[in-house]
N, C-alpha and C. Protein backbone atom coordinates (compact mmCIF):
# COMPACT_ATOMS: atom_id res chain seq x y z
N MET A 1 79.77 88.45 65.20
CA MET A 1 80.03 89.62 66.07
C MET A 1 79.94 89.04 67.62
N LYS A 2 79.32 88.01 67.81
CA LYS A 2 79.25 87.41 69.31
C LYS A 2 80.52 87.10 69.46
N LYS A 3 81.41 86.43 68.66
CA LYS A 3 82.50 85.79 68.82
C LYS A 3 83.40 86.85 69.30
N ILE A 4 83.73 87.80 68.47
CA ILE A 4 84.26 88.80 68.48
C ILE A 4 84.17 89.78 70.33
N LEU A 5 83.08 89.78 70.53
CA LEU A 5 82.67 90.27 71.59
C LEU A 5 83.11 89.14 72.89
N ILE A 6 83.17 88.16 72.82
CA ILE A 6 83.38 87.11 73.83
C ILE A 6 84.97 86.89 73.79
N ILE A 7 85.55 87.08 72.76
CA ILE A 7 86.98 87.17 72.54
C ILE A 7 87.50 88.27 73.31
N LEU A 8 86.93 89.62 72.99
CA LEU A 8 87.25 90.86 73.65
C LEU A 8 87.05 90.47 75.07
N LEU A 9 86.01 90.35 75.64
CA LEU A 9 85.75 89.96 76.97
C LEU A 9 86.81 89.26 77.66
N PHE A 10 87.20 88.03 77.24
CA PHE A 10 88.26 87.17 77.58
C PHE A 10 89.66 87.83 78.02
N ILE A 11 89.74 88.76 76.78
CA ILE A 11 91.26 89.45 76.60
C ILE A 11 91.28 90.21 77.96
N ILE A 12 89.92 91.11 78.17
CA ILE A 12 89.98 92.16 79.31
C ILE A 12 89.95 91.33 80.49
N MET A 13 89.45 90.04 80.64
CA MET A 13 89.27 89.50 81.95
C MET A 13 90.86 89.16 82.27
N PHE A 14 91.47 88.63 81.44
CA PHE A 14 92.92 87.82 81.60
C PHE A 14 93.93 88.85 81.46
N TYR A 15 93.68 90.11 80.91
CA TYR A 15 94.91 90.95 80.65
C TYR A 15 95.44 91.43 81.97
N PRO A 16 96.85 90.99 82.11
CA PRO A 16 97.38 91.40 83.50
C PRO A 16 97.41 92.77 83.91
N SER A 17 97.16 93.04 84.97
CA SER A 17 96.97 94.06 86.00
C SER A 17 98.26 95.01 85.99
N SER A 18 99.58 94.32 85.69
CA SER A 18 100.41 95.07 85.93
C SER A 18 101.09 95.78 84.88
N VAL A 19 100.99 96.80 84.93
CA VAL A 19 100.93 97.89 83.56
C VAL A 19 102.17 98.65 84.37
N ASP A 20 103.46 98.82 83.34
CA ASP A 20 104.52 99.53 83.72
C ASP A 20 105.14 99.23 85.08
N GLY A 21 104.77 97.79 85.69
CA GLY A 21 105.43 97.40 87.06
C GLY A 21 104.61 97.95 87.98
N VAL A 22 103.39 98.48 88.00
CA VAL A 22 102.65 98.99 89.02
C VAL A 22 101.48 97.66 89.32
N VAL A 23 101.24 96.98 90.27
CA VAL A 23 100.86 95.98 90.53
C VAL A 23 99.68 96.17 91.85
N THR A 24 98.37 95.60 91.51
CA THR A 24 97.73 95.96 92.45
C THR A 24 97.15 94.54 93.04
N ASN A 25 96.79 94.48 94.29
CA ASN A 25 96.50 93.20 94.97
C ASN A 25 95.22 92.40 94.20
N ALA A 26 94.46 93.29 94.20
CA ALA A 26 93.23 92.36 93.43
C ALA A 26 93.08 91.30 92.41
N THR A 27 94.06 91.72 91.52
CA THR A 27 94.13 90.61 90.44
C THR A 27 95.68 89.92 90.06
N ASP A 28 96.66 90.27 90.89
CA ASP A 28 97.81 89.44 90.59
C ASP A 28 98.35 88.86 92.01
N THR A 29 98.21 87.42 91.80
CA THR A 29 98.49 86.93 93.30
C THR A 29 100.11 86.92 93.23
N ASN A 30 100.96 87.20 92.32
CA ASN A 30 102.33 87.11 92.55
C ASN A 30 102.69 88.61 92.49
N LYS A 31 102.49 89.21 93.42
CA LYS A 31 102.58 90.50 93.70
C LYS A 31 103.88 91.02 94.10
N VAL A 32 104.49 90.33 95.01
CA VAL A 32 105.54 90.61 95.63
C VAL A 32 106.70 90.14 94.94
N ARG A 33 107.67 90.91 94.54
CA ARG A 33 108.90 91.00 93.58
C ARG A 33 110.42 90.88 94.48
N VAL A 34 110.69 90.05 94.37
CA VAL A 34 112.34 89.69 95.02
C VAL A 34 113.32 89.91 93.77
N ASN A 35 114.01 90.90 93.84
CA ASN A 35 114.87 90.99 92.81
C ASN A 35 116.37 90.61 93.40
N PHE A 36 117.25 89.58 93.05
CA PHE A 36 118.34 89.33 93.60
C PHE A 36 119.51 89.29 92.49
N PHE A 37 120.17 90.22 92.82
CA PHE A 37 121.84 90.54 92.02
C PHE A 37 122.74 89.80 92.50
N TYR A 38 123.45 88.95 91.95
CA TYR A 38 124.34 88.14 92.41
C TYR A 38 125.52 87.72 91.31
N ASP A 39 126.66 87.38 92.05
CA ASP A 39 127.83 86.65 91.42
C ASP A 39 127.86 85.32 92.05
N ASP A 40 129.39 84.68 91.50
CA ASP A 40 129.64 83.34 91.96
C ASP A 40 130.09 83.44 93.35
N ASN A 41 130.18 84.48 94.22
CA ASN A 41 130.85 84.45 95.46
C ASN A 41 129.80 83.67 96.61
N LYS A 42 130.74 83.10 97.71
CA LYS A 42 130.01 82.37 98.35
C LYS A 42 128.74 82.77 98.92
N GLU A 43 129.05 84.23 99.72
CA GLU A 43 127.66 84.87 100.26
C GLU A 43 126.49 84.87 99.36
N SER A 44 126.85 85.13 98.03
CA SER A 44 125.44 84.85 97.19
C SER A 44 125.20 83.78 97.00
N LEU A 45 125.69 82.67 96.85
CA LEU A 45 125.49 81.28 96.68
C LEU A 45 124.47 80.86 98.09
N THR A 46 125.15 81.34 99.26
CA THR A 46 124.44 80.91 100.63
C THR A 46 123.17 81.70 100.67
N THR A 47 123.13 82.88 100.50
CA THR A 47 121.75 83.85 100.36
C THR A 47 120.91 83.01 99.41
N ARG A 48 121.26 82.88 98.35
CA ARG A 48 120.16 82.18 97.18
C ARG A 48 119.53 80.99 97.72
N SER A 49 120.38 80.18 98.42
CA SER A 49 119.86 78.89 98.95
C SER A 49 119.04 79.12 100.40
N TRP A 50 119.26 80.10 100.90
CA TRP A 50 118.35 80.58 101.95
C TRP A 50 117.24 81.24 101.54
N LEU A 51 117.05 82.16 100.45
CA LEU A 51 116.10 82.68 99.79
C LEU A 51 114.87 81.53 99.39
N ASP A 52 115.89 80.61 98.52
CA ASP A 52 114.93 79.69 97.97
C ASP A 52 114.24 78.97 98.59
N SER A 53 114.68 78.49 100.00
CA SER A 53 113.93 77.79 101.03
C SER A 53 113.10 78.54 101.70
N TYR A 54 113.24 79.55 102.03
CA TYR A 54 112.36 80.59 102.60
C TYR A 54 111.15 80.85 102.10
N LEU A 55 111.26 81.19 100.15
CA LEU A 55 110.14 81.44 99.80
C LEU A 55 109.41 80.38 98.88
N GLU A 56 110.23 79.29 99.35
CA GLU A 56 109.52 77.81 98.70
C GLU A 56 107.96 77.95 98.85
N ASP A 57 107.37 78.07 99.95
CA ASP A 57 105.69 78.02 100.00
C ASP A 57 105.07 79.20 99.96
N LYS A 58 105.59 80.26 99.67
CA LYS A 58 105.16 81.55 99.60
C LYS A 58 104.47 81.87 97.99
N ASP A 59 103.52 81.56 97.76
CA ASP A 59 102.85 81.68 96.11
C ASP A 59 102.45 83.18 95.76
N ASP A 60 102.73 83.89 96.88
CA ASP A 60 102.33 85.37 96.50
C ASP A 60 103.81 86.25 96.18
N ILE A 61 104.89 85.69 96.14
CA ILE A 61 106.20 86.53 96.24
C ILE A 61 106.91 85.57 94.74
N THR A 62 107.20 86.37 94.00
CA THR A 62 108.16 85.72 92.96
C THR A 62 109.58 86.54 92.94
N LYS A 63 110.40 85.63 92.53
CA LYS A 63 111.96 86.09 92.78
C LYS A 63 112.29 86.07 91.24
N GLU A 64 113.33 86.96 91.32
CA GLU A 64 114.12 86.88 90.02
C GLU A 64 115.72 87.21 90.21
N TYR A 65 116.47 86.16 89.88
CA TYR A 65 118.12 86.39 89.78
C TYR A 65 118.61 87.02 88.83
N ILE A 66 119.40 87.80 89.28
CA ILE A 66 119.90 88.45 88.04
C ILE A 66 121.46 88.63 88.26
N SER A 67 122.17 87.92 87.43
CA SER A 67 123.36 87.85 87.38
C SER A 67 124.17 89.21 86.99
N ILE A 68 125.01 89.66 87.81
CA ILE A 68 125.81 91.10 87.51
C ILE A 68 126.80 90.74 86.19
N ASN A 69 127.21 89.77 86.03
CA ASN A 69 128.14 89.54 84.97
C ASN A 69 127.40 89.75 83.70
N ASP A 70 125.91 89.38 83.85
CA ASP A 70 125.51 89.77 82.18
C ASP A 70 124.35 90.87 82.50
N ASN A 71 124.64 91.63 83.76
CA ASN A 71 123.30 92.54 83.85
C ASN A 71 123.91 93.74 84.51
N LYS A 72 125.21 94.02 84.08
CA LYS A 72 126.25 94.95 84.92
C LYS A 72 125.65 96.59 84.89
N GLU A 73 125.12 96.78 83.87
CA GLU A 73 124.59 98.15 83.42
C GLU A 73 123.17 98.34 84.48
N LEU A 74 122.36 97.46 84.22
CA LEU A 74 121.23 97.46 85.30
C LEU A 74 121.57 97.30 86.60
N TYR A 75 122.64 96.62 87.09
CA TYR A 75 123.16 96.59 88.54
C TYR A 75 123.29 98.26 88.82
N ASN A 76 124.28 98.84 88.11
CA ASN A 76 124.99 99.92 88.33
C ASN A 76 123.72 101.01 88.41
N LYS A 77 122.82 100.77 87.71
CA LYS A 77 121.77 101.87 87.46
C LYS A 77 120.96 101.92 88.68
N VAL A 78 120.51 100.56 89.33
CA VAL A 78 120.01 100.24 90.40
C VAL A 78 120.63 100.89 91.60
N LYS A 79 121.87 100.71 91.88
CA LYS A 79 122.71 101.28 92.87
C LYS A 79 122.66 102.58 92.66
N GLU A 80 122.65 103.44 91.41
CA GLU A 80 122.84 104.56 91.45
C GLU A 80 121.30 105.42 91.76
N ILE A 81 120.20 104.61 91.31
CA ILE A 81 119.11 105.36 91.65
C ILE A 81 118.62 105.22 93.20
N LEU A 82 118.91 103.99 93.58
CA LEU A 82 118.66 103.92 95.16
C LEU A 82 119.61 104.23 96.23
N LYS A 83 120.78 104.88 95.51
CA LYS A 83 121.99 105.65 96.41
C LYS A 83 122.74 104.53 97.21
N ILE A 84 122.90 103.56 96.62
CA ILE A 84 123.61 102.55 97.27
C ILE A 84 125.22 102.85 97.32
N LYS A 85 126.03 102.98 98.06
CA LYS A 85 127.32 103.41 97.76
C LYS A 85 128.39 101.83 98.18
N LYS A 86 127.88 100.83 98.81
CA LYS A 86 128.68 99.88 98.66
C LYS A 86 128.57 98.89 97.48
N ASP A 87 129.57 98.00 97.25
CA ASP A 87 129.46 97.35 95.93
C ASP A 87 129.39 95.71 96.34
N ASN A 88 128.99 95.54 97.22
CA ASN A 88 129.00 94.25 97.79
C ASN A 88 127.81 93.21 97.48
N LEU A 89 128.13 92.04 97.08
CA LEU A 89 126.96 91.38 96.60
C LEU A 89 126.64 90.11 97.76
N PRO A 90 125.32 89.66 97.64
CA PRO A 90 124.23 89.77 97.05
C PRO A 90 123.72 91.23 97.15
N LEU A 91 123.00 91.52 96.32
CA LEU A 91 122.14 93.06 96.40
C LEU A 91 120.47 92.19 96.08
N ILE A 92 119.91 92.38 97.32
CA ILE A 92 118.19 91.84 97.32
C ILE A 92 117.57 93.41 97.22
N VAL A 93 116.66 93.35 96.22
CA VAL A 93 115.79 94.68 96.01
C VAL A 93 114.41 94.16 96.02
N ILE A 94 113.68 94.77 97.14
CA ILE A 94 112.17 94.77 97.12
C ILE A 94 111.27 96.00 97.11
N GLY A 95 110.89 96.19 96.33
CA GLY A 95 110.50 97.70 96.08
C GLY A 95 111.40 98.52 95.81
N SER A 96 111.22 99.43 96.83
CA SER A 96 112.29 100.50 97.31
C SER A 96 113.73 99.98 98.15
N ASN A 97 113.23 98.85 98.69
CA ASN A 97 113.92 98.41 100.03
C ASN A 97 115.11 97.69 99.35
N TYR A 98 116.31 97.82 99.93
CA TYR A 98 117.36 96.89 99.39
C TYR A 98 118.38 96.49 100.63
N PHE A 99 118.96 95.32 100.31
CA PHE A 99 119.81 94.77 101.24
C PHE A 99 121.11 94.46 100.52
N VAL A 100 121.93 94.75 100.94
CA VAL A 100 123.66 94.59 100.38
C VAL A 100 124.37 93.91 101.47
N GLY A 101 124.80 92.71 100.77
CA GLY A 101 125.17 91.55 101.85
C GLY A 101 124.19 90.95 102.62
N PHE A 102 124.41 89.73 103.32
CA PHE A 102 123.59 88.86 103.89
C PHE A 102 123.99 88.27 105.43
N ASN A 103 123.58 88.51 106.44
CA ASN A 103 123.74 87.88 107.75
C ASN A 103 122.44 87.76 108.29
N GLU A 104 122.59 87.34 109.56
CA GLU A 104 121.39 87.10 110.45
C GLU A 104 120.43 88.17 110.80
N LYS A 105 120.80 89.38 110.72
CA LYS A 105 119.98 90.80 110.80
C LYS A 105 119.32 90.91 109.59
N THR A 106 120.07 90.52 108.60
CA THR A 106 119.42 90.61 107.26
C THR A 106 118.07 89.63 107.30
N LYS A 107 118.44 88.65 107.71
CA LYS A 107 117.36 87.68 107.31
C LYS A 107 115.71 88.19 108.22
N ASP A 108 116.18 88.78 109.22
CA ASP A 108 114.97 89.19 110.03
C ASP A 108 114.28 90.48 109.37
N LYS A 109 115.14 91.51 108.93
CA LYS A 109 114.68 92.68 108.03
C LYS A 109 114.20 92.16 106.88
N LEU A 110 114.48 91.47 105.98
CA LEU A 110 114.08 90.91 104.95
C LEU A 110 112.80 90.27 105.06
N LYS A 111 112.38 89.57 106.13
CA LYS A 111 111.27 89.20 106.61
C LYS A 111 109.98 90.03 106.74
N ASN A 112 110.22 91.18 107.73
CA ASN A 112 109.66 92.12 107.80
C ASN A 112 109.27 92.79 106.50
N VAL A 113 110.12 93.22 105.61
CA VAL A 113 109.67 93.89 104.26
C VAL A 113 109.00 93.23 103.82
N LEU A 114 109.20 91.73 103.24
CA LEU A 114 108.44 90.89 102.85
C LEU A 114 106.99 90.94 103.43
N LYS A 115 106.80 90.55 104.53
CA LYS A 115 105.49 91.01 105.03
C LYS A 115 104.81 92.27 104.98
N SER A 116 105.60 93.33 104.78
CA SER A 116 104.99 94.40 104.58
C SER A 116 104.34 94.75 103.11
N TYR A 117 105.43 94.10 102.21
CA TYR A 117 104.84 94.14 100.68
C TYR A 117 103.54 93.03 100.54
N GLN A 118 103.73 91.72 101.10
CA GLN A 118 102.62 91.14 101.32
C GLN A 118 101.22 91.66 101.64
N ASP A 119 100.99 92.63 102.83
CA ASP A 119 100.00 93.18 103.23
C ASP A 119 99.54 94.34 102.19
N SER A 120 100.25 94.84 101.33
CA SER A 120 100.35 96.00 100.90
C SER A 120 99.09 96.00 99.55
N ASP A 121 98.25 96.96 99.37
CA ASP A 121 97.45 96.61 98.29
C ASP A 121 98.29 97.23 97.02
N LYS A 122 99.03 97.93 96.96
CA LYS A 122 99.73 98.50 95.72
C LYS A 122 101.02 98.90 95.76
N GLN A 123 101.96 98.33 95.01
CA GLN A 123 103.31 98.21 94.91
C GLN A 123 103.92 98.67 93.46
N CYS A 124 105.29 98.83 93.18
CA CYS A 124 105.39 99.01 91.94
C CYS A 124 106.85 98.48 91.76
N ASN A 125 106.89 97.38 90.73
CA ASN A 125 108.32 96.90 90.51
C ASN A 125 109.31 97.88 89.81
N LEU A 126 110.12 98.47 90.82
CA LEU A 126 111.09 99.27 90.34
C LEU A 126 111.88 98.66 89.17
N ILE A 127 112.43 97.60 89.54
CA ILE A 127 113.50 97.18 88.29
C ILE A 127 112.82 96.66 86.95
N SER A 128 111.59 96.66 86.93
CA SER A 128 110.98 96.73 85.58
C SER A 128 110.99 97.97 85.06
N LYS A 129 110.67 99.15 85.94
CA LYS A 129 110.70 100.39 85.38
C LYS A 129 111.88 100.91 85.16
N ILE A 130 112.79 100.42 85.93
CA ILE A 130 114.50 100.67 85.39
C ILE A 130 114.94 100.25 84.16
N ARG A 131 114.32 98.98 83.95
CA ARG A 131 114.78 98.17 82.63
C ARG A 131 114.29 98.47 81.64
N ASN A 132 113.01 99.08 81.63
CA ASN A 132 112.10 99.71 80.34
C ASN A 132 112.36 101.31 80.34
N ASN A 133 113.27 101.88 81.08
CA ASN A 133 113.71 103.35 80.90
C ASN A 133 112.28 104.12 81.18
N LYS A 134 111.40 103.59 82.24
CA LYS A 134 110.30 104.51 82.35
C LYS A 134 110.59 105.50 83.83
N ASP A 135 109.51 106.16 83.76
CA ASP A 135 109.59 107.35 84.69
C ASP A 135 109.74 106.53 85.89
N ILE A 136 110.26 106.85 87.17
CA ILE A 136 110.31 105.68 88.31
C ILE A 136 109.93 106.56 89.52
N SER A 137 109.58 107.83 89.47
CA SER A 137 109.24 108.75 90.84
C SER A 137 108.09 108.01 91.16
N GLU A 138 106.77 107.68 90.30
CA GLU A 138 105.94 107.07 90.84
C GLU A 138 106.35 105.85 91.84
N CYS A 139 106.95 105.26 91.20
CA CYS A 139 107.43 103.93 91.72
C CYS A 139 107.97 104.04 93.18
N LEU A 140 108.85 104.95 93.23
CA LEU A 140 109.77 105.30 94.45
C LEU A 140 108.70 105.56 95.47
N GLU A 141 107.86 106.51 95.19
CA GLU A 141 106.66 106.99 95.90
C GLU A 141 105.80 106.03 96.45
N ILE A 142 105.30 105.02 95.70
CA ILE A 142 104.33 104.18 95.95
C ILE A 142 105.18 103.08 96.96
N ASN A 143 106.58 102.65 96.69
CA ASN A 143 106.94 101.73 97.34
C ASN A 143 107.42 102.44 98.90
N SER A 144 107.83 103.66 98.71
CA SER A 144 108.42 104.36 99.91
C SER A 144 107.46 104.42 101.25
N ASN A 145 106.15 104.09 100.99
CA ASN A 145 105.13 104.06 101.63
C ASN A 145 104.61 102.59 102.49
N ILE A 146 105.17 101.85 101.87
CA ILE A 146 105.12 100.28 102.14
C ILE A 146 105.75 100.04 103.37
N TYR A 147 106.72 100.05 103.48
CA TYR A 147 107.95 99.65 104.59
C TYR A 147 108.57 100.92 105.00
N LYS A 148 108.28 101.09 106.10
CA LYS A 148 109.60 102.31 106.89
C LYS A 148 110.19 101.48 108.02
N GLU A 149 111.30 101.48 108.20
CA GLU A 149 111.86 100.88 109.53
C GLU A 149 111.58 101.70 110.77
N ASP A 150 111.49 100.96 111.62
CA ASP A 150 110.97 101.43 112.89
C ASP A 150 112.31 101.91 113.57
N ASN A 151 112.26 103.11 113.79
CA ASN A 151 113.30 103.71 114.46
C ASN A 151 112.84 104.52 115.98
N HIS A 152 112.29 103.85 116.50
CA HIS A 152 111.28 104.19 117.78
C HIS A 152 112.77 104.32 119.05
N ILE A 153 113.72 103.63 118.55
CA ILE A 153 114.73 103.72 119.79
C ILE A 153 115.23 104.79 120.14
N LEU A 154 115.52 105.68 118.88
CA LEU A 154 115.94 106.95 118.72
C LEU A 154 115.10 108.11 119.75
N THR A 155 113.77 108.08 119.36
CA THR A 155 112.75 108.73 119.97
C THR A 155 112.64 108.25 121.36
N TYR A 156 113.05 106.97 122.06
CA TYR A 156 112.90 106.76 123.41
C TYR A 156 114.20 107.21 123.65
N LEU A 157 115.27 107.09 123.45
CA LEU A 157 116.61 107.71 123.58
C LEU A 157 116.39 109.07 124.31
N LEU A 158 115.58 109.82 123.19
CA LEU A 158 115.46 111.36 123.21
C LEU A 158 114.84 111.72 124.66
N ILE A 159 113.67 111.02 124.76
CA ILE A 159 112.91 111.08 125.58
C ILE A 159 113.23 110.73 127.15
N ILE A 160 114.20 109.68 127.03
CA ILE A 160 114.75 109.40 128.60
C ILE A 160 115.72 110.49 128.82
N LEU A 161 116.64 111.01 128.02
CA LEU A 161 117.49 112.27 127.88
C LEU A 161 116.89 113.25 128.25
N ILE A 162 115.92 113.63 127.80
CA ILE A 162 114.88 114.66 128.38
C ILE A 162 114.69 114.48 129.75
N LEU A 163 114.07 113.75 130.11
CA LEU A 163 113.78 113.46 131.48
C LEU A 163 114.71 113.34 132.62
N ILE A 164 115.96 112.85 131.79
CA ILE A 164 117.18 113.04 132.92
C ILE A 164 117.53 114.32 133.06
N VAL A 165 117.51 115.07 132.24
CA VAL A 165 117.75 116.64 132.35
C VAL A 165 116.80 117.22 133.16
N ILE A 166 115.41 116.82 133.15
CA ILE A 166 114.58 117.74 133.76
C ILE A 166 114.58 116.88 135.24
N ILE A 167 114.79 115.91 135.53
CA ILE A 167 115.23 115.38 137.02
C ILE A 167 116.49 116.26 137.52
N LEU A 168 117.66 116.20 136.75
CA LEU A 168 118.69 116.77 137.18
C LEU A 168 118.55 118.43 137.41
N ILE A 169 117.69 119.29 136.75
CA ILE A 169 117.27 120.46 136.89
C ILE A 169 116.56 120.65 138.41
N ILE A 170 115.76 119.58 138.20
CA ILE A 170 114.86 119.63 139.53
C ILE A 170 115.75 119.36 140.96
N LEU A 171 116.36 118.27 140.84
CA LEU A 171 117.46 118.16 141.83
C LEU A 171 118.22 119.28 142.13
N LYS A 172 118.70 120.02 141.24
CA LYS A 172 119.49 121.22 141.26
C LYS A 172 118.84 122.30 142.09
N ILE A 173 117.31 122.56 141.67
CA ILE A 173 116.39 123.41 142.26
C ILE A 173 116.15 123.07 143.93
N VAL A 174 115.88 121.87 144.14
CA VAL A 174 115.61 121.51 145.37
C VAL A 174 117.06 121.67 146.32
N VAL A 175 118.14 121.26 145.90
CA VAL A 175 119.72 121.51 146.57
C VAL A 175 119.61 123.14 146.92
N LYS A 176 119.42 123.69 146.18
CA LYS A 176 119.78 125.50 146.20
C LYS A 176 118.75 125.76 147.14
N ARG A 177 117.33 125.15 147.12
CA ARG A 177 116.39 125.68 148.25
C ARG A 177 116.56 125.54 149.42
N ARG A 178 117.39 124.13 149.95
CA ARG A 178 117.58 123.67 151.20
C ARG A 178 118.91 124.53 151.93
N LYS A 179 119.59 125.16 150.83
CA LYS A 179 120.86 125.93 151.22
C LYS A 179 120.34 127.06 151.93
């Protein structure tokens, strides 16, 4: 009986915390997952090389390379779920965030998304849910709260526009009073 309890205790202690793709920070050190859809085009190969180099010393990030030649159905499902219109490769998916193609701007955004996911306590492996035909709604909700692109520029432009309009109105009133 003691042996069975010890075995059960070990199973419980070492049972992975990732259930249906939901991962918690406390028990899974490889919590951030980068899914990289590619083919043999030059951009895919260049991006893969950069990604390998960038992630080389990051133990809390795992990557999966998915050839679309072998996984066209999965690729199309992911595009449909994430509402991706472009058909360019590579396609990098981290949580619910994705990058189509690759350039210098993508590198910075990718680093920001990875940092947000590294700092997050909980996230969901969307690709795993899609592969296993599981409900993805919880996954999309969890991941959508992890990284949100900073769109303060639009807010600042709107504030500046309002200030300009106010200044013009004040100037018009002042000029009218002087007459």
